[in-house]
Amino acid sequence: MQDIIVWHNPRCSKSRDALTYLDKKGLIPTIYKYMDENPSVDELKEMLKLLNIDVRKWMRTKEDIYKELNLKDIQDEDKLLEAMANNPKLIERPVVINEKKAVIARPLENIDTIL
């Protein structure tokens, strides 16, 4: 059986849809409620490696906090990750992890690329 982890926000419909998508495939993931547990900068760095994308592609750039912190002008990856660790609302979701691969499940079919 595959060990799937979902970085999940229960208030997000896309995040709930990802859990339903996995359930329909007969997969029961471990749920990590990142909004409650505030991942550390080191955890975010590890996840960014698994996602294999630029940090800004993992950020919710339309959130008010993104604008309030003037993050569009910051180029330093560590500073952006620190902002995400301090404000997990900035983390794009849901993230689905399968062993050493991860995707942002937008669209849901992205999940299939790591199964």
PDB file of N, CA and C in Angstrom:
ATOM      1  N   MET A   1       0.846  -1.190   0.000  1.00  0.00           N
ATOM      2  CA  MET A   1       0.000   0.000   0.000  1.00  0.00           C
ATOM      3  C   MET A   1       0.883   1.243   0.000  1.00  0.00           C
ATOM      4  N   GLN A   2       0.464   2.232  -0.750  1.00  0.00           N
ATOM      5  CA  GLN A   2       1.217   3.470  -0.860  1.00  0.00           C
ATOM      6  C   GLN A   2       1.024   4.321   0.381  1.00  0.00           C
ATOM      7  N   ASP A   3       2.116   4.957   0.805  1.00  0.00           N
ATOM      8  CA  ASP A   3       2.055   5.856   1.950  1.00  0.00           C
ATOM      9  C   ASP A   3       1.875   7.275   1.421  1.00  0.00           C
ATOM     10  N   ILE A   4       0.645   7.734   1.376  1.00  0.00           N
ATOM     11  CA  ILE A   4       0.293   9.046   0.834  1.00  0.00           C
ATOM     12  C   ILE A   4       0.049  10.008   1.994  1.00  0.00           C
ATOM     13  N   ILE A   5       0.572  11.208   1.862  1.00  0.00           N
ATOM     14  CA  ILE A   5       0.353  12.269   2.851  1.00  0.00           C
ATOM     15  C   ILE A   5      -0.269  13.450   2.121  1.00  0.00           C
ATOM     16  N   VAL A   6      -1.260  14.066   2.741  1.00  0.00           N
ATOM     17  CA  VAL A   6      -1.888  15.252   2.166  1.00  0.00           C
ATOM     18  C   VAL A   6      -1.742  16.409   3.149  1.00  0.00           C
ATOM     19  N   TRP A   7      -1.135  17.488   2.669  1.00  0.00           N
ATOM     20  CA  TRP A   7      -1.130  18.734   3.432  1.00  0.00           C
ATOM     21  C   TRP A   7      -2.504  19.339   3.190  1.00  0.00           C
ATOM     22  N   HIS A   8      -3.326  19.324   4.219  1.00  0.00           N
ATOM     23  CA  HIS A   8      -4.757  19.558   4.080  1.00  0.00           C
ATOM     24  C   HIS A   8      -5.223  20.738   4.911  1.00  0.00           C
ATOM     25  N   ASN A   9      -6.117  21.520   4.302  1.00  0.00           N
ATOM     26  CA  ASN A   9      -6.828  22.573   5.012  1.00  0.00           C
ATOM     27  C   ASN A   9      -8.312  22.227   4.897  1.00  0.00           C
ATOM     28  N   PRO A  10      -8.951  21.787   5.984  1.00  0.00           N
ATOM     29  CA  PRO A  10     -10.350  21.372   5.932  1.00  0.00           C
ATOM     30  C   PRO A  10     -11.303  22.453   5.425  1.00  0.00           C
ATOM     31  N   ARG A  11     -10.915  23.705   5.516  1.00  0.00           N
ATOM     32  CA  ARG A  11     -11.786  24.803   5.069  1.00  0.00           C
ATOM     33  C   ARG A  11     -11.702  25.027   3.559  1.00  0.00           C
ATOM     34  N   CYS A  12     -10.790  24.355   2.902  1.00  0.00           N
ATOM     35  CA  CYS A  12     -10.567  24.544   1.470  1.00  0.00           C
ATOM     36  C   CYS A  12     -11.276  23.456   0.661  1.00  0.00           C
ATOM     37  N   SER A  13     -12.145  23.859  -0.249  1.00  0.00           N
ATOM     38  CA  SER A  13     -12.879  22.876  -1.048  1.00  0.00           C
ATOM     39  C   SER A  13     -11.941  22.054  -1.933  1.00  0.00           C
ATOM     40  N   LYS A  14     -10.899  22.662  -2.470  1.00  0.00           N
ATOM     41  CA  LYS A  14      -9.943  21.919  -3.316  1.00  0.00           C
ATOM     42  C   LYS A  14      -9.212  20.866  -2.493  1.00  0.00           C
ATOM     43  N   SER A  15      -8.929  21.184  -1.262  1.00  0.00           N
ATOM     44  CA  SER A  15      -8.273  20.243  -0.368  1.00  0.00           C
ATOM     45  C   SER A  15      -9.203  19.074  -0.039  1.00  0.00           C
ATOM     46  N   ARG A  16     -10.454  19.386   0.237  1.00  0.00           N
ATOM     47  CA  ARG A  16     -11.441  18.321   0.493  1.00  0.00           C
ATOM     48  C   ARG A  16     -11.648  17.473  -0.760  1.00  0.00           C
ATOM     49  N   ASP A  17     -11.650  18.115  -1.923  1.00  0.00           N
ATOM     50  CA  ASP A  17     -11.794  17.371  -3.181  1.00  0.00           C
ATOM     51  C   ASP A  17     -10.637  16.384  -3.385  1.00  0.00           C
ATOM     52  N   ALA A  18      -9.451  16.775  -2.999  1.00  0.00           N
ATOM     53  CA  ALA A  18      -8.293  15.879  -3.139  1.00  0.00           C
ATOM     54  C   ALA A  18      -8.481  14.630  -2.286  1.00  0.00           C
ATOM     55  N   LEU A  19      -9.002  14.792  -1.081  1.00  0.00           N
ATOM     56  CA  LEU A  19      -9.244  13.625  -0.222  1.00  0.00           C
ATOM     57  C   LEU A  19     -10.299  12.716  -0.844  1.00  0.00           C
ATOM     58  N   THR A  20     -11.337  13.297  -1.407  1.00  0.00           N
ATOM     59  CA  THR A  20     -12.377  12.510  -2.085  1.00  0.00           C
ATOM     60  C   THR A  20     -11.787  11.780  -3.286  1.00  0.00           C
ATOM     61  N   TYR A  21     -10.946  12.457  -4.045  1.00  0.00           N
ATOM     62  CA  TYR A  21     -10.289  11.879  -5.225  1.00  0.00           C
ATOM     63  C   TYR A  21      -9.467  10.649  -4.829  1.00  0.00           C
ATOM     64  N   LEU A  22      -8.704  10.795  -3.764  1.00  0.00           N
ATOM     65  CA  LEU A  22      -7.889   9.670  -3.278  1.00  0.00           C
ATOM     66  C   LEU A  22      -8.768   8.535  -2.760  1.00  0.00           C
ATOM     67  N   ASP A  23      -9.839   8.890  -2.062  1.00  0.00           N
ATOM     68  CA  ASP A  23     -10.757   7.887  -1.537  1.00  0.00           C
ATOM     69  C   ASP A  23     -11.366   7.053  -2.671  1.00  0.00           C
ATOM     70  N   LYS A  24     -11.738   7.709  -3.757  1.00  0.00           N
ATOM     71  CA  LYS A  24     -12.313   6.999  -4.906  1.00  0.00           C
ATOM     72  C   LYS A  24     -11.311   6.042  -5.544  1.00  0.00           C
ATOM     73  N   LYS A  25     -10.034   6.299  -5.323  1.00  0.00           N
ATOM     74  CA  LYS A  25      -8.986   5.417  -5.829  1.00  0.00           C
ATOM     75  C   LYS A  25      -8.616   4.339  -4.800  1.00  0.00           C
ATOM     76  N   GLY A  26      -9.347   4.334  -3.679  1.00  0.00           N
ATOM     77  CA  GLY A  26      -9.086   3.342  -2.642  1.00  0.00           C
ATOM     78  C   GLY A  26      -7.869   3.652  -1.791  1.00  0.00           C
ATOM     79  N   LEU A  27      -7.438   4.895  -1.784  1.00  0.00           N
ATOM     80  CA  LEU A  27      -6.251   5.300  -1.028  1.00  0.00           C
ATOM     81  C   LEU A  27      -6.660   6.114   0.192  1.00  0.00           C
ATOM     82  N   ILE A  28      -6.091   5.773   1.328  1.00  0.00           N
ATOM     83  CA  ILE A  28      -6.374   6.482   2.572  1.00  0.00           C
ATOM     84  C   ILE A  28      -5.095   7.192   2.997  1.00  0.00           C
ATOM     85  N   PRO A  29      -5.053   8.512   2.822  1.00  0.00           N
ATOM     86  CA  PRO A  29      -3.825   9.239   3.138  1.00  0.00           C
ATOM     87  C   PRO A  29      -3.713   9.585   4.624  1.00  0.00           C
ATOM     88  N   THR A  30      -2.496   9.881   5.008  1.00  0.00           N
ATOM     89  CA  THR A  30      -2.245  10.521   6.294  1.00  0.00           C
ATOM     90  C   THR A  30      -2.494  12.005   6.068  1.00  0.00           C
ATOM     91  N   ILE A  31      -3.228  12.610   6.967  1.00  0.00           N
ATOM     92  CA  ILE A  31      -3.579  14.025   6.803  1.00  0.00           C
ATOM     93  C   ILE A  31      -2.709  14.872   7.723  1.00  0.00           C
ATOM     94  N   TYR A  32      -2.063  15.853   7.122  1.00  0.00           N
ATOM     95  CA  TYR A  32      -1.240  16.807   7.851  1.00  0.00           C
ATOM     96  C   TYR A  32      -1.935  18.157   7.768  1.00  0.00           C
ATOM     97  N   LYS A  33      -2.487  18.611   8.878  1.00  0.00           N
ATOM     98  CA  LYS A  33      -3.190  19.893   8.915  1.00  0.00           C
ATOM     99  C   LYS A  33      -2.161  21.002   9.150  1.00  0.00           C
ATOM    100  N   TYR A  34      -1.548  21.409   8.059  1.00  0.00           N
ATOM    101  CA  TYR A  34      -0.451  22.370   8.118  1.00  0.00           C
ATOM    102  C   TYR A  34      -0.866  23.721   8.701  1.00  0.00           C
ATOM    103  N   MET A  35      -2.148  24.070   8.597  1.00  0.00           N
ATOM    104  CA  MET A  35      -2.602  25.348   9.160  1.00  0.00           C
ATOM    105  C   MET A  35      -2.571  25.311  10.691  1.00  0.00           C
ATOM    106  N   ASP A  36      -2.749  24.133  11.260  1.00  0.00           N
ATOM    107  CA  ASP A  36      -2.728  23.965  12.714  1.00  0.00           C
ATOM    108  C   ASP A  36      -1.322  23.724  13.240  1.00  0.00           C
ATOM    109  N   GLU A  37      -0.491  23.068  12.427  1.00  0.00           N
ATOM    110  CA  GLU A  37       0.812  22.619  12.909  1.00  0.00           C
ATOM    111  C   GLU A  37       1.967  23.512  12.492  1.00  0.00           C
ATOM    112  N   ASN A  38       1.717  24.505  11.657  1.00  0.00           N
ATOM    113  CA  ASN A  38       2.745  25.433  11.186  1.00  0.00           C
ATOM    114  C   ASN A  38       4.069  24.732  10.872  1.00  0.00           C
ATOM    115  N   PRO A  39       4.241  24.292   9.650  1.00  0.00           N
ATOM    116  CA  PRO A  39       5.507  23.650   9.292  1.00  0.00           C
ATOM    117  C   PRO A  39       6.673  24.626   9.456  1.00  0.00           C
ATOM    118  N   SER A  40       7.815  24.068   9.806  1.00  0.00           N
ATOM    119  CA  SER A  40       9.025  24.874   9.981  1.00  0.00           C
ATOM    120  C   SER A  40       9.603  25.227   8.611  1.00  0.00           C
ATOM    121  N   VAL A  41      10.540  26.149   8.604  1.00  0.00           N
ATOM    122  CA  VAL A  41      11.231  26.504   7.361  1.00  0.00           C
ATOM    123  C   VAL A  41      11.926  25.275   6.792  1.00  0.00           C
ATOM    124  N   ASP A  42      12.543  24.464   7.654  1.00  0.00           N
ATOM    125  CA  ASP A  42      13.225  23.253   7.182  1.00  0.00           C
ATOM    126  C   ASP A  42      12.242  22.272   6.540  1.00  0.00           C
ATOM    127  N   GLU A  43      11.063  22.112   7.137  1.00  0.00           N
ATOM    128  CA  GLU A  43      10.042  21.235   6.546  1.00  0.00           C
ATOM    129  C   GLU A  43       9.587  21.774   5.188  1.00  0.00           C
ATOM    130  N   LEU A  44       9.443  23.079   5.111  1.00  0.00           N
ATOM    131  CA  LEU A  44       9.033  23.695   3.842  1.00  0.00           C
ATOM    132  C   LEU A  44      10.115  23.511   2.776  1.00  0.00           C
ATOM    133  N   LYS A  45      11.367  23.620   3.178  1.00  0.00           N
ATOM    134  CA  LYS A  45      12.472  23.410   2.228  1.00  0.00           C
ATOM    135  C   LYS A  45      12.456  21.987   1.687  1.00  0.00           C
ATOM    136  N   GLU A  46      12.239  21.025   2.567  1.00  0.00           N
ATOM    137  CA  GLU A  46      12.178  19.624   2.144  1.00  0.00           C
ATOM    138  C   GLU A  46      11.007  19.401   1.190  1.00  0.00           C
ATOM    139  N   MET A  47       9.872  19.990   1.509  1.00  0.00           N
ATOM    140  CA  MET A  47       8.706  19.836   0.654  1.00  0.00           C
ATOM    141  C   MET A  47       8.942  20.504  -0.695  1.00  0.00           C
ATOM    142  N   LEU A  48       9.593  21.643  -0.696  1.00  0.00           N
ATOM    143  CA  LEU A  48       9.878  22.345  -1.938  1.00  0.00           C
ATOM    144  C   LEU A  48      10.753  21.483  -2.854  1.00  0.00           C
ATOM    145  N   LYS A  49      11.697  20.751  -2.267  1.00  0.00           N
ATOM    146  CA  LYS A  49      12.526  19.825  -3.054  1.00  0.00           C
ATOM    147  C   LYS A  49      11.660  18.734  -3.683  1.00  0.00           C
ATOM    148  N   LEU A  50      10.713  18.204  -2.911  1.00  0.00           N
ATOM    149  CA  LEU A  50       9.833  17.155  -3.440  1.00  0.00           C
ATOM    150  C   LEU A  50       8.916  17.698  -4.536  1.00  0.00           C
ATOM    151  N   LEU A  51       8.457  18.917  -4.368  1.00  0.00           N
ATOM    152  CA  LEU A  51       7.593  19.539  -5.366  1.00  0.00           C
ATOM    153  C   LEU A  51       8.367  19.885  -6.642  1.00  0.00           C
ATOM    154  N   ASN A  52       9.652  20.191  -6.461  1.00  0.00           N
ATOM    155  CA  ASN A  52      10.534  20.526  -7.579  1.00  0.00           C
ATOM    156  C   ASN A  52       9.997  21.721  -8.381  1.00  0.00           C
ATOM    157  N   ILE A  53       9.600  22.763  -7.641  1.00  0.00           N
ATOM    158  CA  ILE A  53       9.118  23.998  -8.263  1.00  0.00           C
ATOM    159  C   ILE A  53       9.753  25.179  -7.550  1.00  0.00           C
ATOM    160  N   ASP A  54       9.593  26.340  -8.150  1.00  0.00           N
ATOM    161  CA  ASP A  54      10.035  27.583  -7.537  1.00  0.00           C
ATOM    162  C   ASP A  54       9.127  27.905  -6.352  1.00  0.00           C
ATOM    163  N   VAL A  55       9.684  28.451  -5.299  1.00  0.00           N
ATOM    164  CA  VAL A  55       8.913  28.731  -4.084  1.00  0.00           C
ATOM    165  C   VAL A  55       7.682  29.591  -4.373  1.00  0.00           C
ATOM    166  N   ARG A  56       7.812  30.532  -5.271  1.00  0.00           N
ATOM    167  CA  ARG A  56       6.689  31.428  -5.536  1.00  0.00           C
ATOM    168  C   ARG A  56       5.505  30.681  -6.159  1.00  0.00           C
ATOM    169  N   LYS A  57       5.760  29.605  -6.873  1.00  0.00           N
ATOM    170  CA  LYS A  57       4.669  28.804  -7.450  1.00  0.00           C
ATOM    171  C   LYS A  57       3.908  28.040  -6.378  1.00  0.00           C
ATOM    172  N   TRP A  58       4.471  27.987  -5.180  1.00  0.00           N
ATOM    173  CA  TRP A  58       3.832  27.298  -4.067  1.00  0.00           C
ATOM    174  C   TRP A  58       3.136  28.285  -3.139  1.00  0.00           C
ATOM    175  N   MET A  59       3.174  29.538  -3.494  1.00  0.00           N
ATOM    176  CA  MET A  59       2.593  30.565  -2.626  1.00  0.00           C
ATOM    177  C   MET A  59       1.242  31.037  -3.160  1.00  0.00           C
ATOM    178  N   ARG A  60       0.376  31.352  -2.229  1.00  0.00           N
ATOM    179  CA  ARG A  60      -0.934  31.929  -2.563  1.00  0.00           C
ATOM    180  C   ARG A  60      -0.739  33.445  -2.658  1.00  0.00           C
ATOM    181  N   THR A  61      -0.417  33.894  -3.852  1.00  0.00           N
ATOM    182  CA  THR A  61      -0.038  35.289  -4.062  1.00  0.00           C
ATOM    183  C   THR A  61      -1.215  36.260  -4.029  1.00  0.00           C
ATOM    184  N   LYS A  62      -2.423  35.751  -4.000  1.00  0.00           N
ATOM    185  CA  LYS A  62      -3.593  36.638  -3.951  1.00  0.00           C
ATOM    186  C   LYS A  62      -4.099  36.868  -2.530  1.00  0.00           C
ATOM    187  N   GLU A  63      -3.450  36.234  -1.568  1.00  0.00           N
ATOM    188  CA  GLU A  63      -3.845  36.433  -0.170  1.00  0.00           C
ATOM    189  C   GLU A  63      -3.453  37.838   0.289  1.00  0.00           C
ATOM    190  N   ASP A  64      -4.262  38.408   1.145  1.00  0.00           N
ATOM    191  CA  ASP A  64      -3.979  39.756   1.669  1.00  0.00           C
ATOM    192  C   ASP A  64      -2.624  39.805   2.361  1.00  0.00           C
ATOM    193  N   ILE A  65      -2.283  38.758   3.098  1.00  0.00           N
ATOM    194  CA  ILE A  65      -1.019  38.750   3.846  1.00  0.00           C
ATOM    195  C   ILE A  65       0.177  38.829   2.888  1.00  0.00           C
ATOM    196  N   TYR A  66       0.044  38.255   1.706  1.00  0.00           N
ATOM    197  CA  TYR A  66       1.103  38.331   0.691  1.00  0.00           C
ATOM    198  C   TYR A  66       1.368  39.790   0.329  1.00  0.00           C
ATOM    199  N   LYS A  67       0.300  40.523   0.143  1.00  0.00           N
ATOM    200  CA  LYS A  67       0.419  41.944  -0.211  1.00  0.00           C
ATOM    201  C   LYS A  67       0.906  42.761   0.986  1.00  0.00           C
ATOM    202  N   GLU A  68       0.360  42.469   2.164  1.00  0.00           N
ATOM    203  CA  GLU A  68       0.739  43.211   3.373  1.00  0.00           C
ATOM    204  C   GLU A  68       2.223  43.089   3.672  1.00  0.00           C
ATOM    205  N   LEU A  69       2.787  41.925   3.408  1.00  0.00           N
ATOM    206  CA  LEU A  69       4.205  41.683   3.685  1.00  0.00           C
ATOM    207  C   LEU A  69       5.111  42.078   2.515  1.00  0.00           C
ATOM    208  N   ASN A  70       4.530  42.616   1.457  1.00  0.00           N
ATOM    209  CA  ASN A  70       5.293  43.011   0.268  1.00  0.00           C
ATOM    210  C   ASN A  70       6.158  41.875  -0.272  1.00  0.00           C
ATOM    211  N   LEU A  71       5.604  40.696  -0.329  1.00  0.00           N
ATOM    212  CA  LEU A  71       6.390  39.527  -0.725  1.00  0.00           C
ATOM    213  C   LEU A  71       6.725  39.505  -2.208  1.00  0.00           C
ATOM    214  N   LYS A  72       5.981  40.224  -3.025  1.00  0.00           N
ATOM    215  CA  LYS A  72       6.274  40.215  -4.464  1.00  0.00           C
ATOM    216  C   LYS A  72       7.639  40.823  -4.757  1.00  0.00           C
ATOM    217  N   ASP A  73       8.136  41.672  -3.874  1.00  0.00           N
ATOM    218  CA  ASP A  73       9.433  42.324  -4.075  1.00  0.00           C
ATOM    219  C   ASP A  73      10.599  41.542  -3.475  1.00  0.00           C
ATOM    220  N   ILE A  74      10.304  40.466  -2.769  1.00  0.00           N
ATOM    221  CA  ILE A  74      11.363  39.675  -2.129  1.00  0.00           C
ATOM    222  C   ILE A  74      11.779  38.539  -3.053  1.00  0.00           C
ATOM    223  N   GLN A  75      13.068  38.422  -3.275  1.00  0.00           N
ATOM    224  CA  GLN A  75      13.605  37.369  -4.143  1.00  0.00           C
ATOM    225  C   GLN A  75      14.280  36.252  -3.346  1.00  0.00           C
ATOM    226  N   ASP A  76      14.630  36.511  -2.105  1.00  0.00           N
ATOM    227  CA  ASP A  76      15.340  35.544  -1.268  1.00  0.00           C
ATOM    228  C   ASP A  76      14.404  34.391  -0.886  1.00  0.00           C
ATOM    229  N   GLU A  77      14.734  33.197  -1.336  1.00  0.00           N
ATOM    230  CA  GLU A  77      13.888  32.026  -1.079  1.00  0.00           C
ATOM    231  C   GLU A  77      13.695  31.779   0.413  1.00  0.00           C
ATOM    232  N   ASP A  78      14.764  31.924   1.197  1.00  0.00           N
ATOM    233  CA  ASP A  78      14.659  31.684   2.638  1.00  0.00           C
ATOM    234  C   ASP A  78      13.669  32.646   3.301  1.00  0.00           C
ATOM    235  N   LYS A  79      13.658  33.887   2.855  1.00  0.00           N
ATOM    236  CA  LYS A  79      12.724  34.860   3.429  1.00  0.00           C
ATOM    237  C   LYS A  79      11.287  34.530   3.046  1.00  0.00           C
ATOM    238  N   LEU A  80      11.093  34.054   1.831  1.00  0.00           N
ATOM    239  CA  LEU A  80       9.753  33.661   1.398  1.00  0.00           C
ATOM    240  C   LEU A  80       9.281  32.437   2.183  1.00  0.00           C
ATOM    241  N   LEU A  81      10.176  31.477   2.382  1.00  0.00           N
ATOM    242  CA  LEU A  81       9.817  30.287   3.164  1.00  0.00           C
ATOM    243  C   LEU A  81       9.534  30.644   4.615  1.00  0.00           C
ATOM    244  N   GLU A  82      10.275  31.598   5.150  1.00  0.00           N
ATOM    245  CA  GLU A  82      10.023  32.056   6.520  1.00  0.00           C
ATOM    246  C   GLU A  82       8.635  32.694   6.615  1.00  0.00           C
ATOM    247  N   ALA A  83       8.283  33.474   5.612  1.00  0.00           N
ATOM    248  CA  ALA A  83       6.939  34.084   5.591  1.00  0.00           C
ATOM    249  C   ALA A  83       5.870  32.990   5.544  1.00  0.00           C
ATOM    250  N   MET A  84       6.118  31.931   4.768  1.00  0.00           N
ATOM    251  CA  MET A  84       5.162  30.829   4.679  1.00  0.00           C
ATOM    252  C   MET A  84       5.060  30.081   6.013  1.00  0.00           C
ATOM    253  N   ALA A  85       6.194  29.890   6.676  1.00  0.00           N
ATOM    254  CA  ALA A  85       6.188  29.194   7.971  1.00  0.00           C
ATOM    255  C   ALA A  85       5.416  30.008   9.011  1.00  0.00           C
ATOM    256  N   ASN A  86       5.574  31.316   8.969  1.00  0.00           N
ATOM    257  CA  ASN A  86       4.892  32.187   9.925  1.00  0.00           C
ATOM    258  C   ASN A  86       3.434  32.449   9.562  1.00  0.00           C
ATOM    259  N   ASN A  87       3.106  32.237   8.292  1.00  0.00           N
ATOM    260  CA  ASN A  87       1.755  32.503   7.785  1.00  0.00           C
ATOM    261  C   ASN A  87       1.349  31.369   6.858  1.00  0.00           C
ATOM    262  N   PRO A  88       1.001  30.209   7.400  1.00  0.00           N
ATOM    263  CA  PRO A  88       0.721  29.050   6.548  1.00  0.00           C
ATOM    264  C   PRO A  88      -0.427  29.258   5.563  1.00  0.00           C
ATOM    265  N   LYS A  89      -1.184  30.318   5.739  1.00  0.00           N
ATOM    266  CA  LYS A  89      -2.239  30.647   4.780  1.00  0.00           C
ATOM    267  C   LYS A  89      -1.636  30.915   3.390  1.00  0.00           C
ATOM    268  N   LEU A  90      -0.349  31.235   3.352  1.00  0.00           N
ATOM    269  CA  LEU A  90       0.347  31.502   2.092  1.00  0.00           C
ATOM    270  C   LEU A  90       0.665  30.236   1.306  1.00  0.00           C
ATOM    271  N   ILE A  91       0.531  29.076   1.928  1.00  0.00           N
ATOM    272  CA  ILE A  91       0.887  27.811   1.283  1.00  0.00           C
ATOM    273  C   ILE A  91      -0.252  27.365   0.367  1.00  0.00           C
ATOM    274  N   GLU A  92       0.085  27.178  -0.913  1.00  0.00           N
ATOM    275  CA  GLU A  92      -0.908  26.662  -1.864  1.00  0.00           C
ATOM    276  C   GLU A  92      -1.222  25.220  -1.507  1.00  0.00           C
ATOM    277  N   ARG A  93      -2.477  24.864  -1.615  1.00  0.00           N
ATOM    278  CA  ARG A  93      -2.937  23.551  -1.208  1.00  0.00           C
ATOM    279  C   ARG A  93      -3.904  23.008  -2.241  1.00  0.00           C
ATOM    280  N   PRO A  94      -4.148  21.746  -2.120  1.00  0.00           N
ATOM    281  CA  PRO A  94      -3.515  20.742  -1.257  1.00  0.00           C
ATOM    282  C   PRO A  94      -2.214  20.228  -1.882  1.00  0.00           C
ATOM    283  N   VAL A  95      -1.323  19.808  -1.029  1.00  0.00           N
ATOM    284  CA  VAL A  95      -0.098  19.149  -1.477  1.00  0.00           C
ATOM    285  C   VAL A  95      -0.266  17.668  -1.175  1.00  0.00           C
ATOM    286  N   VAL A  96       0.010  16.849  -2.170  1.00  0.00           N
ATOM    287  CA  VAL A  96      -0.094  15.400  -2.010  1.00  0.00           C
ATOM    288  C   VAL A  96       1.295  14.817  -2.211  1.00  0.00           C
ATOM    289  N   ILE A  97       1.726  14.005  -1.245  1.00  0.00           N
ATOM    290  CA  ILE A  97       3.064  13.426  -1.249  1.00  0.00           C
ATOM    291  C   ILE A  97       2.965  11.913  -1.321  1.00  0.00           C
ATOM    292  N   ASN A  98       3.790  11.323  -2.158  1.00  0.00           N
ATOM    293  CA  ASN A  98       3.901   9.873  -2.270  1.00  0.00           C
ATOM    294  C   ASN A  98       5.385   9.549  -2.297  1.00  0.00           C
ATOM    295  N   GLU A  99       5.893   9.076  -1.183  1.00  0.00           N
ATOM    296  CA  GLU A  99       7.304   8.743  -1.021  1.00  0.00           C
ATOM    297  C   GLU A  99       8.173   9.961  -1.294  1.00  0.00           C
ATOM    298  N   LYS A 100       8.898   9.971  -2.388  1.00  0.00           N
ATOM    299  CA  LYS A 100       9.836  11.058  -2.666  1.00  0.00           C
ATOM    300  C   LYS A 100       9.350  11.991  -3.765  1.00  0.00           C
ATOM    301  N   LYS A 101       8.028  12.038  -3.965  1.00  0.00           N
ATOM    302  CA  LYS A 101       7.437  12.908  -4.977  1.00  0.00           C
ATOM    303  C   LYS A 101       6.260  13.647  -4.361  1.00  0.00           C
ATOM    304  N   ALA A 102       6.018  14.852  -4.847  1.00  0.00           N
ATOM    305  CA  ALA A 102       4.886  15.629  -4.351  1.00  0.00           C
ATOM    306  C   ALA A 102       4.346  16.506  -5.469  1.00  0.00           C
ATOM    307  N   VAL A 103       3.059  16.822  -5.370  1.00  0.00           N
ATOM    308  CA  VAL A 103       2.415  17.738  -6.311  1.00  0.00           C
ATOM    309  C   VAL A 103       1.427  18.616  -5.573  1.00  0.00           C
ATOM    310  N   ILE A 104       1.179  19.760  -6.160  1.00  0.00           N
ATOM    311  CA  ILE A 104       0.054  20.573  -5.734  1.00  0.00           C
ATOM    312  C   ILE A 104      -1.120  20.045  -6.548  1.00  0.00           C
ATOM    313  N   ALA A 105      -2.163  19.612  -5.880  1.00  0.00           N
ATOM    314  CA  ALA A 105      -3.285  18.940  -6.543  1.00  0.00           C
ATOM    315  C   ALA A 105      -4.276  19.939  -7.143  1.00  0.00           C
ATOM    316  N   ARG A 106      -3.785  20.786  -7.987  1.00  0.00           N
ATOM    317  CA  ARG A 106      -4.586  21.748  -8.749  1.00  0.00           C
ATOM    318  C   ARG A 106      -4.090  21.698 -10.176  1.00  0.00           C
ATOM    319  N   PRO A 107      -4.745  21.018 -11.052  1.00  0.00           N
ATOM    320  CA  PRO A 107      -5.992  20.280 -10.911  1.00  0.00           C
ATOM    321  C   PRO A 107      -5.772  18.944 -10.197  1.00  0.00           C
ATOM    322  N   LEU A 108      -6.865  18.333  -9.808  1.00  0.00           N
ATOM    323  CA  LEU A 108      -6.808  17.073  -9.066  1.00  0.00           C
ATOM    324  C   LEU A 108      -6.018  15.994  -9.800  1.00  0.00           C
ATOM    325  N   GLU A 109      -6.095  16.007 -11.104  1.00  0.00           N
ATOM    326  CA  GLU A 109      -5.417  14.979 -11.902  1.00  0.00           C
ATOM    327  C   GLU A 109      -3.891  15.015 -11.735  1.00  0.00           C
ATOM    328  N   ASN A 110      -3.352  16.097 -11.185  1.00  0.00           N
ATOM    329  CA  ASN A 110      -1.917  16.137 -10.884  1.00  0.00           C
ATOM    330  C   ASN A 110      -1.532  14.989  -9.950  1.00  0.00           C
ATOM    331  N   ILE A 111      -2.476  14.569  -9.122  1.00  0.00           N
ATOM    332  CA  ILE A 111      -2.209  13.479  -8.175  1.00  0.00           C
ATOM    333  C   ILE A 111      -1.781  12.228  -8.909  1.00  0.00           C
ATOM    334  N   ASP A 112      -2.386  11.975 -10.053  1.00  0.00           N
ATOM    335  CA  ASP A 112      -2.080  10.750 -10.813  1.00  0.00           C
ATOM    336  C   ASP A 112      -0.617  10.671 -11.212  1.00  0.00           C
ATOM    337  N   THR A 113       0.059  11.808 -11.331  1.00  0.00           N
ATOM    338  CA  THR A 113       1.461  11.801 -11.765  1.00  0.00           C
ATOM    339  C   THR A 113       2.410  11.242 -10.708  1.00  0.00           C
ATOM    340  N   ILE A 114       1.938  11.111  -9.477  1.00  0.00           N
ATOM    341  CA  ILE A 114       2.823  10.571  -8.428  1.00  0.00           C
ATOM    342  C   ILE A 114       2.336   9.240  -7.857  1.00  0.00           C
ATOM    343  N   LEU A 115       1.242   8.710  -8.400  1.00  0.00           N
ATOM    344  CA  LEU A 115       0.723   7.432  -7.919  1.00  0.00           C
ATOM    345  C   LEU A 115       1.379   6.266  -8.641  1.00  0.00           C
TER     346      LEU A 115
END
